[in-house]
Amino acid sequence: LPSPDNLTEAHLLLETTISNCKVQLIQKSLADQLVHCDTLQLQYSCLQVEKAMTSLTAAELHVGWVHTLLRRNGYSPDQVGTAM
């Protein structure tokens, strides 16, 4: 940076530098908020995955129960699938 030639230039240079610093702080704050938002979205997605896994487990248990019921009644799950 060139040295200011007078008090007015020095004052403007100082104010510009302070303003640039404030802009950098605002940009950092925005970046921090974006990271926070992304973290919250990730946590929400993890909850959605847990719910999906619970539903999948319940569906798998239901399929197993139906297979057991079919076998108890003398059917093979393969026979039922081909009879449709």
C-alpha atoms as a PDB file:
ATOM      1  CA  LEU A   1       0.000   0.000   0.000  1.00  0.00           C
ATOM      2  CA  PRO A   2       1.273   3.455  -0.756  1.00  0.00           C
ATOM      3  CA  SER A   3       1.788   5.788   2.168  1.00  0.00           C
ATOM      4  CA  PRO A   4      -0.917   8.436   2.485  1.00  0.00           C
ATOM      5  CA  ASP A   5       0.175  11.971   1.612  1.00  0.00           C
ATOM      6  CA  ASN A   6      -2.136  13.737   4.026  1.00  0.00           C
ATOM      7  CA  LEU A   7      -4.508  13.251   6.951  1.00  0.00           C
ATOM      8  CA  THR A   8      -7.556  12.837   4.714  1.00  0.00           C
ATOM      9  CA  GLU A   9      -5.913  10.037   2.743  1.00  0.00           C
ATOM     10  CA  ALA A  10      -4.742   8.418   5.977  1.00  0.00           C
ATOM     11  CA  HIS A  11      -8.243   8.606   7.434  1.00  0.00           C
ATOM     12  CA  LEU A  12      -9.821   7.156   4.270  1.00  0.00           C
ATOM     13  CA  LEU A  13      -7.219   4.385   4.147  1.00  0.00           C
ATOM     14  CA  LEU A  14      -7.908   3.548   7.807  1.00  0.00           C
ATOM     15  CA  GLU A  15     -11.684   3.558   7.288  1.00  0.00           C
ATOM     16  CA  THR A  16     -11.331   1.392   4.188  1.00  0.00           C
ATOM     17  CA  THR A  17      -9.190  -1.091   6.108  1.00  0.00           C
ATOM     18  CA  ILE A  18     -11.691  -1.169   8.994  1.00  0.00           C
ATOM     19  CA  SER A  19     -14.538  -1.661   6.524  1.00  0.00           C
ATOM     20  CA  ASN A  20     -12.669  -4.524   4.813  1.00  0.00           C
ATOM     21  CA  CYS A  21     -12.110  -6.114   8.209  1.00  0.00           C
ATOM     22  CA  LYS A  22     -15.849  -5.901   8.961  1.00  0.00           C
ATOM     23  CA  VAL A  23     -16.628  -7.492   5.595  1.00  0.00           C
ATOM     24  CA  GLN A  24     -14.228 -10.345   6.401  1.00  0.00           C
ATOM     25  CA  LEU A  25     -15.904 -10.842   9.800  1.00  0.00           C
ATOM     26  CA  ILE A  26     -19.325 -10.934   8.148  1.00  0.00           C
ATOM     27  CA  GLN A  27     -18.064 -13.447   5.562  1.00  0.00           C
ATOM     28  CA  LYS A  28     -16.681 -15.619   8.368  1.00  0.00           C
ATOM     29  CA  SER A  29     -19.968 -15.380  10.238  1.00  0.00           C
ATOM     30  CA  LEU A  30     -21.851 -16.381   7.093  1.00  0.00           C
ATOM     31  CA  ALA A  31     -19.509 -19.327   6.542  1.00  0.00           C
ATOM     32  CA  ASP A  32     -20.008 -20.387  10.178  1.00  0.00           C
ATOM     33  CA  GLN A  33     -23.787 -20.212   9.741  1.00  0.00           C
ATOM     34  CA  LEU A  34     -23.613 -22.254   6.538  1.00  0.00           C
ATOM     35  CA  VAL A  35     -21.569 -24.914   8.328  1.00  0.00           C
ATOM     36  CA  HIS A  36     -24.097 -24.902  11.180  1.00  0.00           C
ATOM     37  CA  CYS A  37     -26.968 -25.249   8.698  1.00  0.00           C
ATOM     38  CA  ASP A  38     -25.197 -28.118   6.921  1.00  0.00           C
ATOM     39  CA  THR A  39     -24.583 -29.808  10.283  1.00  0.00           C
ATOM     40  CA  LEU A  40     -28.276 -29.561  11.166  1.00  0.00           C
ATOM     41  CA  GLN A  41     -29.250 -30.948   7.753  1.00  0.00           C
ATOM     42  CA  LEU A  42     -26.832 -33.835   8.268  1.00  0.00           C
ATOM     43  CA  GLN A  43     -28.330 -34.581  11.684  1.00  0.00           C
ATOM     44  CA  TYR A  44     -31.817 -34.528  10.164  1.00  0.00           C
ATOM     45  CA  SER A  45     -30.701 -36.860   7.371  1.00  0.00           C
ATOM     46  CA  CYS A  46     -29.235 -39.243   9.955  1.00  0.00           C
ATOM     47  CA  LEU A  47     -32.596 -39.312  11.747  1.00  0.00           C
ATOM     48  CA  GLN A  48     -34.320 -40.059   8.441  1.00  0.00           C
ATOM     49  CA  VAL A  49     -31.885 -42.930   7.841  1.00  0.00           C
ATOM     50  CA  GLU A  50     -32.621 -44.316  11.323  1.00  0.00           C
ATOM     51  CA  LYS A  51     -36.369 -44.156  10.626  1.00  0.00           C
ATOM     52  CA  ALA A  52     -35.874 -45.881   7.276  1.00  0.00           C
ATOM     53  CA  MET A  53     -33.759 -48.586   8.911  1.00  0.00           C
ATOM     54  CA  THR A  54     -36.471 -49.155  11.525  1.00  0.00           C
ATOM     55  CA  SER A  55     -39.095 -49.461   8.784  1.00  0.00           C
ATOM     56  CA  LEU A  56     -36.860 -51.815   6.819  1.00  0.00           C
ATOM     57  CA  THR A  57     -36.304 -53.988   9.878  1.00  0.00           C
ATOM     58  CA  ALA A  58     -40.054 -54.142  10.491  1.00  0.00           C
ATOM     59  CA  ALA A  59     -40.676 -55.063   6.843  1.00  0.00           C
ATOM     60  CA  GLU A  60     -38.015 -57.787   6.962  1.00  0.00           C
ATOM     61  CA  LEU A  61     -39.577 -59.206  10.138  1.00  0.00           C
ATOM     62  CA  HIS A  62     -42.987 -59.184   8.455  1.00  0.00           C
ATOM     63  CA  VAL A  63     -41.613 -61.026   5.413  1.00  0.00           C
ATOM     64  CA  GLY A  64     -40.044 -63.599   7.721  1.00  0.00           C
ATOM     65  CA  TRP A  65     -43.319 -64.007   9.596  1.00  0.00           C
ATOM     66  CA  VAL A  66     -45.245 -64.520   6.330  1.00  0.00           C
ATOM     67  CA  HIS A  67     -42.694 -67.124   5.161  1.00  0.00           C
ATOM     68  CA  THR A  68     -43.056 -68.949   8.482  1.00  0.00           C
ATOM     69  CA  LEU A  69     -46.846 -68.833   8.244  1.00  0.00           C
ATOM     70  CA  LEU A  70     -46.748 -70.207   4.701  1.00  0.00           C
ATOM     71  CA  ARG A  71     -44.452 -73.067   5.725  1.00  0.00           C
ATOM     72  CA  ARG A  72     -46.702 -73.926   8.695  1.00  0.00           C
ATOM     73  CA  ASN A  73     -49.626 -74.221   6.290  1.00  0.00           C
ATOM     74  CA  GLY A  74     -47.702 -76.513   3.963  1.00  0.00           C
ATOM     75  CA  TYR A  75     -46.730 -73.999   1.309  1.00  0.00           C
ATOM     76  CA  SER A  76     -43.316 -73.146   0.052  1.00  0.00           C
ATOM     77  CA  PRO A  77     -42.718 -69.402  -0.427  1.00  0.00           C
ATOM     78  CA  ASP A  78     -41.412 -70.319  -3.892  1.00  0.00           C
ATOM     79  CA  GLN A  79     -44.678 -72.081  -4.756  1.00  0.00           C
ATOM     80  CA  VAL A  80     -46.753 -69.099  -3.651  1.00  0.00           C
ATOM     81  CA  GLY A  81     -44.656 -66.756  -5.780  1.00  0.00           C
ATOM     82  CA  THR A  82     -45.168 -68.877  -8.911  1.00  0.00           C
ATOM     83  CA  ALA A  83     -48.884 -69.450  -8.285  1.00  0.00           C
ATOM     84  CA  MET A  84     -49.691 -65.790  -8.869  1.00  0.00           C
END
